């Protein structure tokens, strides 16, 4: 019996080598004419991650190298801070070596968005898994609307951040995640439907409360950014109209009370819409805010403000803080727009302002050079890559790190580094 099996095995092997391939079955059996010659499909070439454009930071401009390092180390800091349940450690007090209080679900959503953005830029499997786990954790705090099956709404408790801002960041995270499947994208679609319902007839967004400054200056811009990316992925009647209505409302609000965070969050949404629609009106909104940011940025003329150069004050009495990241991201988007139009004069103005904002934000980030006075293990585990909240505050926060990360990345995507 063993001999028979051996012979059969050898026969099968010999039939696969040195013999002509089997002939095509005749039409009498196939029931149709013989197939024509088929041209093989071209092999699919694996897409390189955007970060692959920078294999050697010694060969790029200093600001580009700083943006790459800031984005990389910020993403790594967030990934190290992810806890077993999928959320992120909110912050660290390096002096006392203790965790910070003050976390909210909105701030968790910002961190999740940043990790997903970094995963999309690097194709890093660890970051992708980290972002995916965080998204699932946050989605557990949403539910389908009982009155509308196409809508998913947040269920975060009172005092845990703005629900609308939370939903916007969750949409941004899902839209960015490289591994998002159809089911996850459907959840983003339903969350986007919830966000569209928050846009009033006049274009304003129902969010926050009267005591929350971000209700005017941050949440609406994040909502419009989320809706712009959702509309790009899945265009539908009415989506761009709703965004345009919101852009018009906040253009008027900005003129009445300009603010760097408002400009910085509205600008990315406007630029994404312009890229899709080529609307001159949308471009005008973005350039108006970009011009204002350039004029509002702190410069180097006052020797007492050298360390603050490139930053933005959110009020006349508050020194620039990590919230400059909003303005940096907006300036990077404006720079991108100036290349798209193109507008060389504005590019020559926007790019230097963006570079100055990068320098300011990198000054808030812990690096190997500015943490030498800490022990090696503590530096590597808890400091490097984290972003402190201000020049006079050494505490690291996950939302500060996250906003810096997405701002650095927006610069790298803007073409301002000399690459397309």
Protein backbone atom coordinates (compact mmCIF):
# COMPACT_ATOMS: atom_id res chain seq x y z
CA UNK A 1 0.00 0.00 0.00
CA UNK A 2 2.86 2.36 0.90
CA UNK A 3 4.43 1.76 -2.50
CA UNK A 4 1.18 2.59 -4.26
CA UNK A 5 0.93 5.87 -2.34
CA UNK A 6 4.53 6.73 -3.20
CA UNK A 7 3.90 6.03 -6.85
CA UNK A 8 0.78 8.16 -6.86
CA UNK A 9 2.67 11.00 -5.15
CA UNK A 10 5.49 10.85 -7.67
CA UNK A 11 3.01 10.74 -10.52
CA UNK A 12 1.25 13.83 -9.23
CA UNK A 13 4.55 15.62 -8.81
CA UNK A 14 5.73 14.73 -12.27
CA UNK A 15 2.43 15.90 -13.76
CA UNK A 16 3.09 19.40 -12.39
CA UNK A 17 6.54 19.73 -13.92
CA UNK A 18 7.51 19.44 -17.54
CA UNK A 19 4.01 18.84 -18.90
CA UNK A 20 1.81 21.14 -20.98
CA UNK A 21 -0.94 22.92 -19.01
CA UNK A 22 -4.45 21.51 -19.40
CA UNK A 23 -6.37 22.65 -22.48
CA UNK A 24 -9.38 24.94 -22.29
CA UNK A 25 -12.66 23.03 -22.16
CA UNK A 26 -14.57 23.10 -25.47
CA UNK A 27 -17.68 25.24 -25.97
CA UNK A 28 -19.86 22.14 -26.02
CA UNK A 29 -19.09 21.67 -22.34
CA UNK A 30 -18.77 25.31 -21.25
CA UNK A 31 -21.96 26.30 -23.05
CA UNK A 32 -20.30 29.44 -24.40
CA UNK A 33 -17.55 30.48 -26.72
CA UNK A 34 -13.97 30.01 -25.68
CA UNK A 35 -12.60 32.93 -23.60
CA UNK A 36 -10.36 35.46 -25.24
CA UNK A 37 -6.84 36.10 -24.08
CA UNK A 38 -6.91 37.83 -20.71
CA UNK A 39 -4.38 40.48 -19.77
CA UNK A 40 -3.19 39.88 -16.20
CA UNK A 41 -4.01 42.62 -13.72
CA UNK A 42 -1.10 44.82 -12.76
CA UNK A 43 0.26 43.84 -9.38
CA UNK A 44 -0.95 46.12 -6.62
CA UNK A 45 1.89 48.27 -5.35
CA UNK A 46 1.83 48.82 -1.60
CA UNK A 47 1.25 52.46 -0.78
CA UNK A 48 4.00 54.10 1.20
CA UNK A 49 3.09 56.04 4.34
CA UNK A 50 3.45 59.82 4.09
CA UNK A 51 6.21 59.74 6.70
CA UNK A 52 8.34 57.72 4.27
CA UNK A 53 9.08 61.02 2.51
CA UNK A 54 11.46 61.82 5.36
CA UNK A 55 13.92 58.91 5.61
CA UNK A 56 16.73 61.18 6.72
CA UNK A 57 15.89 64.27 8.73
CA UNK A 58 19.39 65.62 8.20
CA UNK A 59 18.42 66.30 4.58
CA UNK A 60 15.30 68.36 5.24
CA UNK A 61 14.70 71.92 6.43
CA UNK A 62 15.02 72.41 10.21
CA UNK A 63 11.33 73.22 10.63
CA UNK A 64 10.37 70.07 8.74
CA UNK A 65 12.61 67.95 10.93
CA UNK A 66 11.12 69.56 14.02
CA UNK A 67 7.58 68.87 12.79
CA UNK A 68 8.40 65.21 12.07
CA UNK A 69 10.05 64.76 15.46
CA UNK A 70 7.21 66.56 17.22
CA UNK A 71 4.60 64.42 15.52
CA UNK A 72 6.46 61.13 16.09
CA UNK A 73 7.35 61.65 19.72
CA UNK A 74 3.93 63.09 20.54
CA UNK A 75 2.23 60.01 19.08
CA UNK A 76 4.59 57.72 20.96
CA UNK A 77 3.88 59.56 24.22
CA UNK A 78 0.13 59.09 23.76
CA UNK A 79 0.54 55.42 22.86
CA UNK A 80 2.60 54.83 26.01
CA UNK A 81 -0.09 56.51 28.07
CA UNK A 82 -2.95 54.30 26.86
CA UNK A 83 -4.53 52.38 29.72
CA UNK A 84 -5.97 48.86 29.67
CA UNK A 85 -9.55 50.06 29.10
CA UNK A 86 -8.54 52.03 25.99
CA UNK A 87 -8.46 55.55 27.40
CA UNK A 88 -5.36 57.65 27.91
CA UNK A 89 -3.71 58.89 31.08
CA UNK A 90 -4.80 62.52 31.15
CA UNK A 91 -1.55 64.06 32.31
CA UNK A 92 1.54 64.05 34.49
CA UNK A 93 3.02 66.48 36.99
CA UNK A 94 6.75 65.89 36.39
CA UNK A 95 7.81 67.65 39.58
CA UNK A 96 5.67 65.50 41.86
CA UNK A 97 5.62 62.54 39.47
CA UNK A 98 1.89 62.17 39.92
CA UNK A 99 -1.04 61.98 37.48
CA UNK A 100 -3.14 65.07 36.83
CA UNK A 101 -6.83 65.49 37.51
CA UNK A 102 -9.28 67.26 35.24
CA UNK A 103 -9.86 64.70 32.52
CA UNK A 104 -13.02 64.80 30.37
CA UNK A 105 -14.45 62.61 27.63
CA UNK A 106 -13.94 65.47 25.18
CA UNK A 107 -10.22 65.53 25.97
CA UNK A 108 -10.10 61.74 25.55
CA UNK A 109 -11.66 62.16 22.11
CA UNK A 110 -8.99 64.71 21.15
CA UNK A 111 -6.26 62.24 22.12
CA UNK A 112 -7.97 59.47 20.15
CA UNK A 113 -8.21 61.67 17.06
CA UNK A 114 -4.51 62.52 17.28
CA UNK A 115 -3.43 58.87 17.57
CA UNK A 116 -5.57 57.95 14.55
CA UNK A 117 -4.10 60.84 12.57
CA UNK A 118 -0.59 59.65 13.42
CA UNK A 119 -1.51 56.09 12.42
CA UNK A 120 -2.68 57.37 9.03
CA UNK A 121 0.56 59.29 8.56
CA UNK A 122 2.91 56.50 9.62
CA UNK A 123 0.97 53.26 8.90
CA UNK A 124 2.26 52.17 12.30
CA UNK A 125 0.41 49.03 13.41
CA UNK A 126 0.76 49.84 17.09
CA UNK A 127 -0.74 53.30 16.64
CA UNK A 128 -3.52 51.85 14.49
CA UNK A 129 -4.38 49.30 17.17
CA UNK A 130 -4.15 51.99 19.84
CA UNK A 131 -6.51 54.30 17.95
CA UNK A 132 -8.94 51.51 17.15
CA UNK A 133 -9.18 50.44 20.77
CA UNK A 134 -9.73 54.03 21.91
CA UNK A 135 -12.49 54.54 19.32
CA UNK A 136 -14.36 51.45 20.49
CA UNK A 137 -14.11 52.65 24.09
CA UNK A 138 -15.54 56.05 23.16
CA UNK A 139 -18.27 54.57 20.96
CA UNK A 140 -19.55 52.77 24.05
CA UNK A 141 -20.56 56.25 25.24
CA UNK A 142 -22.88 56.81 22.29
CA UNK A 143 -26.25 55.34 21.32
CA UNK A 144 -28.65 55.28 18.41
CA UNK A 145 -31.30 57.99 18.45
CA UNK A 146 -34.62 56.34 19.32
CA UNK A 147 -36.44 58.72 16.96
CA UNK A 148 -34.01 58.48 14.01
CA UNK A 149 -32.15 55.28 13.13
CA UNK A 150 -29.68 57.26 10.97
CA UNK A 151 -28.40 59.22 13.96
CA UNK A 152 -26.02 58.21 16.75
CA UNK A 153 -25.72 60.55 19.71
CA UNK A 154 -23.27 60.93 22.62
CA UNK A 155 -24.25 59.81 26.11
CA UNK A 156 -21.31 61.24 28.03
CA UNK A 157 -22.21 62.42 31.55
CA UNK A 158 -22.62 66.07 32.47
CA UNK A 159 -19.35 67.70 33.42
CA UNK A 160 -17.33 65.46 31.12
CA UNK A 161 -16.85 67.92 28.30
CA UNK A 162 -19.01 69.11 25.45
CA UNK A 163 -21.02 66.32 23.81
CA UNK A 164 -20.96 67.98 20.38
CA UNK A 165 -17.19 68.53 20.50
CA UNK A 166 -16.81 64.93 21.67
CA UNK A 167 -18.83 63.64 18.72
CA UNK A 168 -16.86 65.81 16.27
CA UNK A 169 -13.50 64.46 17.47
CA UNK A 170 -14.83 60.90 17.36
CA UNK A 171 -15.86 61.38 13.72
CA UNK A 172 -12.44 62.86 12.93
CA UNK A 173 -10.80 59.85 14.59
CA UNK A 174 -12.81 57.26 12.67
CA UNK A 175 -12.34 59.08 9.36
CA UNK A 176 -8.57 59.07 9.95
CA UNK A 177 -8.14 55.49 11.22
CA UNK A 178 -6.45 53.41 8.47
CA UNK A 179 -8.21 50.19 9.48
CA UNK A 180 -11.74 51.59 9.79
CA UNK A 181 -14.14 49.03 8.30
CA UNK A 182 -17.60 49.53 6.84
CA UNK A 183 -19.30 49.09 10.21
CA UNK A 184 -17.09 51.67 11.89
CA UNK A 185 -17.53 54.12 9.01
CA UNK A 186 -21.28 53.67 9.30
CA UNK A 187 -21.04 54.73 12.95
CA UNK A 188 -19.13 57.83 11.80
CA UNK A 189 -21.89 58.55 9.29
CA UNK A 190 -24.54 58.40 12.00
CA UNK A 191 -22.47 60.62 14.30
CA UNK A 192 -22.05 63.08 11.43
CA UNK A 193 -25.84 63.10 11.01
CA UNK A 194 -26.07 64.03 14.70
CA UNK A 195 -23.60 66.87 14.12
CA UNK A 196 -25.55 68.21 11.14
CA UNK A 197 -28.63 68.38 13.32
CA UNK A 198 -26.71 70.70 15.66
CA UNK A 199 -26.31 73.32 12.94
CA UNK A 200 -29.08 75.87 13.31
CA UNK A 201 -30.90 77.59 10.50
CA UNK A 202 -28.56 80.60 10.87
CA UNK A 203 -25.47 78.36 10.61
CA UNK A 204 -24.49 78.47 14.28
CA UNK A 205 -23.67 75.22 16.09
CA UNK A 206 -25.57 74.21 19.22
CA UNK A 207 -22.74 73.37 21.60
CA UNK A 208 -21.22 74.26 24.96
CA UNK A 209 -22.68 76.78 27.37
CA UNK A 210 -22.32 80.44 28.11
CA UNK A 211 -19.42 79.85 30.53
CA UNK A 212 -17.35 77.76 28.13
CA UNK A 213 -15.16 79.90 25.82
CA UNK A 214 -14.60 76.90 23.56
CA UNK A 215 -18.32 76.91 22.72
CA UNK A 216 -17.61 79.69 20.24
CA UNK A 217 -13.92 79.28 19.51
CA UNK A 218 -13.22 75.53 19.29
CA UNK A 219 -16.21 73.17 19.12
CA UNK A 220 -17.85 74.70 16.01
CA UNK A 221 -14.63 74.51 14.01
CA UNK A 222 -14.13 70.86 14.99
CA UNK A 223 -17.73 70.13 13.95
CA UNK A 224 -17.19 71.70 10.54
CA UNK A 225 -13.89 69.84 10.11
CA UNK A 226 -15.59 66.53 10.90
CA UNK A 227 -18.46 67.25 8.50
CA UNK A 228 -16.05 68.27 5.72
CA UNK A 229 -14.13 64.98 5.91
CA UNK A 230 -17.37 63.01 6.14
CA UNK A 231 -18.74 64.78 3.07
CA UNK A 232 -15.57 64.02 1.13
CA UNK A 233 -15.77 60.31 1.90
CA UNK A 234 -19.50 60.04 1.31
CA UNK A 235 -20.89 63.00 -0.65
CA UNK A 236 -24.61 63.63 -0.38
CA UNK A 237 -27.06 66.40 -1.12
CA UNK A 238 -27.12 68.97 1.62
CA UNK A 239 -23.81 68.12 3.29
CA UNK A 240 -21.75 70.89 1.74
CA UNK A 241 -24.67 73.30 2.04
CA UNK A 242 -24.76 72.76 5.80
CA UNK A 243 -21.01 73.32 6.07
CA UNK A 244 -21.18 76.46 3.93
CA UNK A 245 -23.93 77.82 6.18
CA UNK A 246 -21.72 77.21 9.21
CA UNK A 247 -18.69 78.83 7.58
CA UNK A 248 -20.74 81.92 6.79
CA UNK A 249 -22.02 82.19 10.35
CA UNK A 250 -18.57 81.90 11.93
CA UNK A 251 -17.05 84.30 9.45
CA UNK A 252 -19.45 86.94 10.80
CA UNK A 253 -18.76 85.84 14.39
CA UNK A 254 -15.02 86.08 13.75
CA UNK A 255 -15.33 89.58 12.35
CA UNK A 256 -17.29 90.62 15.42
CA UNK A 257 -14.90 88.99 17.89
CA UNK A 258 -11.74 87.55 16.33
CA UNK A 259 -9.92 84.81 18.22
CA UNK A 260 -6.89 82.67 17.26
CA UNK A 261 -8.57 79.39 18.21
CA UNK A 262 -11.67 80.25 16.20
CA UNK A 263 -9.59 81.07 13.13
CA UNK A 264 -7.39 78.04 13.73
CA UNK A 265 -10.29 75.58 13.87
CA UNK A 266 -12.41 77.07 11.09
CA UNK A 267 -9.50 77.34 8.63
CA UNK A 268 -8.87 73.57 8.19
CA UNK A 269 -12.57 73.01 7.51
CA UNK A 270 -12.68 75.83 4.97
CA UNK A 271 -9.58 74.57 3.16
CA UNK A 272 -10.94 71.01 2.94
CA UNK A 273 -14.19 72.37 1.47
CA UNK A 274 -12.27 74.55 -0.98
CA UNK A 275 -10.23 71.58 -2.19
CA UNK A 276 -13.47 69.69 -2.91
CA UNK A 277 -15.57 72.54 -4.31
CA UNK A 278 -13.16 75.27 -5.48
CA UNK A 279 -15.54 77.81 -3.99
CA UNK A 280 -14.13 81.34 -4.17
CA UNK A 281 -16.29 82.39 -1.23
CA UNK A 282 -14.85 79.62 0.96
CA UNK A 283 -11.31 80.57 -0.07
CA UNK A 284 -12.02 84.19 0.87
CA UNK A 285 -13.13 83.11 4.37
CA UNK A 286 -9.95 81.11 4.85
CA UNK A 287 -7.64 83.87 3.60
CA UNK A 288 -9.35 86.47 5.77
CA UNK A 289 -8.65 84.37 8.86
CA UNK A 290 -5.14 83.46 7.70
CA UNK A 291 -4.27 87.13 7.21
CA UNK A 292 -5.54 87.95 10.69
CA UNK A 293 -3.51 85.16 12.30
CA UNK A 294 -0.33 86.47 10.72
CA UNK A 295 -1.00 89.90 12.19
CA UNK A 296 -1.98 88.55 15.63
CA UNK A 297 1.07 86.35 16.07
CA UNK A 298 3.64 87.45 18.64
CA UNK A 299 6.90 88.41 17.01
CA UNK A 300 10.52 88.86 17.98
CA UNK A 301 10.52 92.64 18.21
CA UNK A 302 10.14 92.75 22.00
CA UNK A 303 13.22 91.18 23.70
CA UNK A 304 11.05 90.37 26.72
CA UNK A 305 8.86 88.12 24.59
CA UNK A 306 11.50 86.09 22.75
CA UNK A 307 10.35 82.82 24.31
CA UNK A 308 6.78 83.62 23.33
CA UNK A 309 7.56 84.47 19.69
CA UNK A 310 5.36 82.49 17.33
CA UNK A 311 2.64 81.99 19.93
CA UNK A 312 -0.85 83.45 20.19
CA UNK A 313 -2.60 85.02 23.15
CA UNK A 314 -6.15 83.82 23.67
CA UNK A 315 -6.81 86.98 25.71
CA UNK A 316 -4.89 90.13 26.56
CA UNK A 317 -4.05 88.83 30.03
CA UNK A 318 -3.08 85.23 29.23
CA UNK A 319 0.33 84.23 27.89
CA UNK A 320 0.45 81.92 24.86
CA UNK A 321 -0.14 78.29 25.75
CA UNK A 322 -0.61 74.92 24.06
CA UNK A 323 -3.77 76.36 22.50
CA UNK A 324 -1.43 77.99 19.98
CA UNK A 325 -1.64 74.54 18.34
CA UNK A 326 -5.08 75.50 16.99
CA UNK A 327 -3.60 78.57 15.30
CA UNK A 328 -0.62 76.56 14.02
CA UNK A 329 -2.92 74.03 12.40
CA UNK A 330 -4.96 76.83 10.89
CA UNK A 331 -1.86 78.54 9.48
CA UNK A 332 -0.66 75.25 8.00
CA UNK A 333 -4.04 74.86 6.31
CA UNK A 334 -3.87 78.45 5.03
CA UNK A 335 -0.40 77.74 3.64
CA UNK A 336 -1.82 74.71 1.85
CA UNK A 337 -4.59 76.87 0.42
CA UNK A 338 -2.11 79.47 -0.85
CA UNK A 339 -0.40 76.71 -2.84
CA UNK A 340 -3.69 75.39 -4.20
CA UNK A 341 -5.01 78.71 -5.55
CA UNK A 342 -2.06 79.62 -6.03
CA UNK A 343 -1.29 82.85 -4.20
CA UNK A 344 2.51 83.33 -3.94
CA UNK A 345 2.21 86.53 -1.93
CA UNK A 346 0.14 84.90 0.76
CA UNK A 347 2.32 81.79 0.72
CA UNK A 348 5.31 84.03 1.44
CA UNK A 349 3.41 85.37 4.45
CA UNK A 350 1.71 82.24 5.76
CA UNK A 351 4.65 79.88 5.66
CA UNK A 352 7.02 81.95 7.88
CA UNK A 353 4.19 82.44 10.39
CA UNK A 354 3.61 78.68 10.42
CA UNK A 355 7.30 78.03 10.99
CA UNK A 356 7.37 80.46 13.92
CA UNK A 357 4.37 78.72 15.46
CA UNK A 358 6.14 75.36 15.08
CA UNK A 359 9.11 76.73 17.00
CA UNK A 360 6.87 77.93 19.79
CA UNK A 361 5.03 74.62 20.08
CA UNK A 362 8.25 72.62 20.00
CA UNK A 363 9.41 74.78 22.89
CA UNK A 364 6.51 73.37 24.91
CA UNK A 365 7.35 69.77 24.06
CA UNK A 366 9.67 67.72 26.24
CA UNK A 367 12.67 66.46 24.28
CA UNK A 368 15.87 64.63 25.07
CA UNK A 369 17.69 67.96 25.29
CA UNK A 370 15.43 69.73 27.80
CA UNK A 371 14.89 66.80 30.19
CA UNK A 372 18.48 65.99 31.16
CA UNK A 373 17.80 66.84 34.80
CA UNK A 374 15.35 63.92 35.12
CA UNK A 375 16.32 60.27 35.53
CA UNK A 376 16.65 58.29 32.33
CA UNK A 377 13.74 55.89 32.82
CA UNK A 378 11.34 58.63 33.93
CA UNK A 379 12.37 60.79 30.97
CA UNK A 380 11.79 58.08 28.39
CA UNK A 381 8.55 56.78 29.87
CA UNK A 382 6.74 59.92 31.00
CA UNK A 383 8.33 63.04 29.53
CA UNK A 384 9.80 62.86 26.04
CA UNK A 385 7.14 63.70 23.48
CA UNK A 386 4.68 65.11 26.00
CA UNK A 387 3.61 68.75 25.70
CA UNK A 388 3.33 71.05 28.68
CA UNK A 389 0.46 73.44 28.90
CA UNK A 390 2.50 76.66 28.94
CA UNK A 391 5.93 78.21 29.28
CA UNK A 392 5.43 78.63 33.03
CA UNK A 393 3.67 75.32 33.61
CA UNK A 394 5.58 72.05 33.39
CA UNK A 395 2.52 69.79 33.58
CA UNK A 396 1.94 67.51 30.59
CA UNK A 397 -1.59 66.94 29.29
CA UNK A 398 -2.82 64.45 26.74
CA UNK A 399 -4.97 67.03 24.93
CA UNK A 400 -2.04 69.47 24.72
CA UNK A 401 0.13 66.73 23.24
CA UNK A 402 -2.64 65.63 20.87
CA UNK A 403 -3.36 69.11 19.50
CA UNK A 404 0.36 69.70 18.94
CA UNK A 405 0.65 66.38 17.10
CA UNK A 406 -2.17 67.11 14.64
CA UNK A 407 -0.81 70.63 14.07
CA UNK A 408 2.68 69.35 13.23
CA UNK A 409 1.16 66.80 10.91
CA UNK A 410 -0.97 69.40 9.13
CA UNK A 411 2.20 71.33 8.35
CA UNK A 412 3.79 68.22 6.84
CA UNK A 413 0.68 67.71 4.70
CA UNK A 414 0.50 71.34 3.57
CA UNK A 415 3.32 71.32 1.04
CA UNK A 416 5.04 73.99 3.11
CA UNK A 417 7.97 71.64 3.70
CA UNK A 418 8.78 71.84 -0.03
CA UNK A 419 7.27 68.45 -0.86
CA UNK A 420 3.90 67.62 -2.37
